């Protein structure tokens, strides 16, 4: 399964773009290049929030192109604040509280 983008570039009217679960599905070569164009056009002018459960060192594999991954990360990380959240997700915590999970 590959991520498909159905976007028009640029997005001048959106002040904030949220890309959720980046890396959940691998990208096609065309998809990674479209993501680069999107990030590049927003760079230093609009806010972009990206969530992922993958390490940035895995992005070359996810995007199928380590050069594109480096260029995208360069732009995303330049003026950003990285928030790393360790531990269980809220959904997993809720399931544990409701005793929906088998105890080991």
Foldseek 3Di string as FASTA:
>chain_A
DADDDDDDPDDVVDQEAEAEAQLPAAHDLVRLVVLLRHLVRCQPPHHYHYDHPDDLVCVCVRDVHVVSSVSSCCRNVVPDDDDDDDDDDPVVVVCVVVVVDDDD
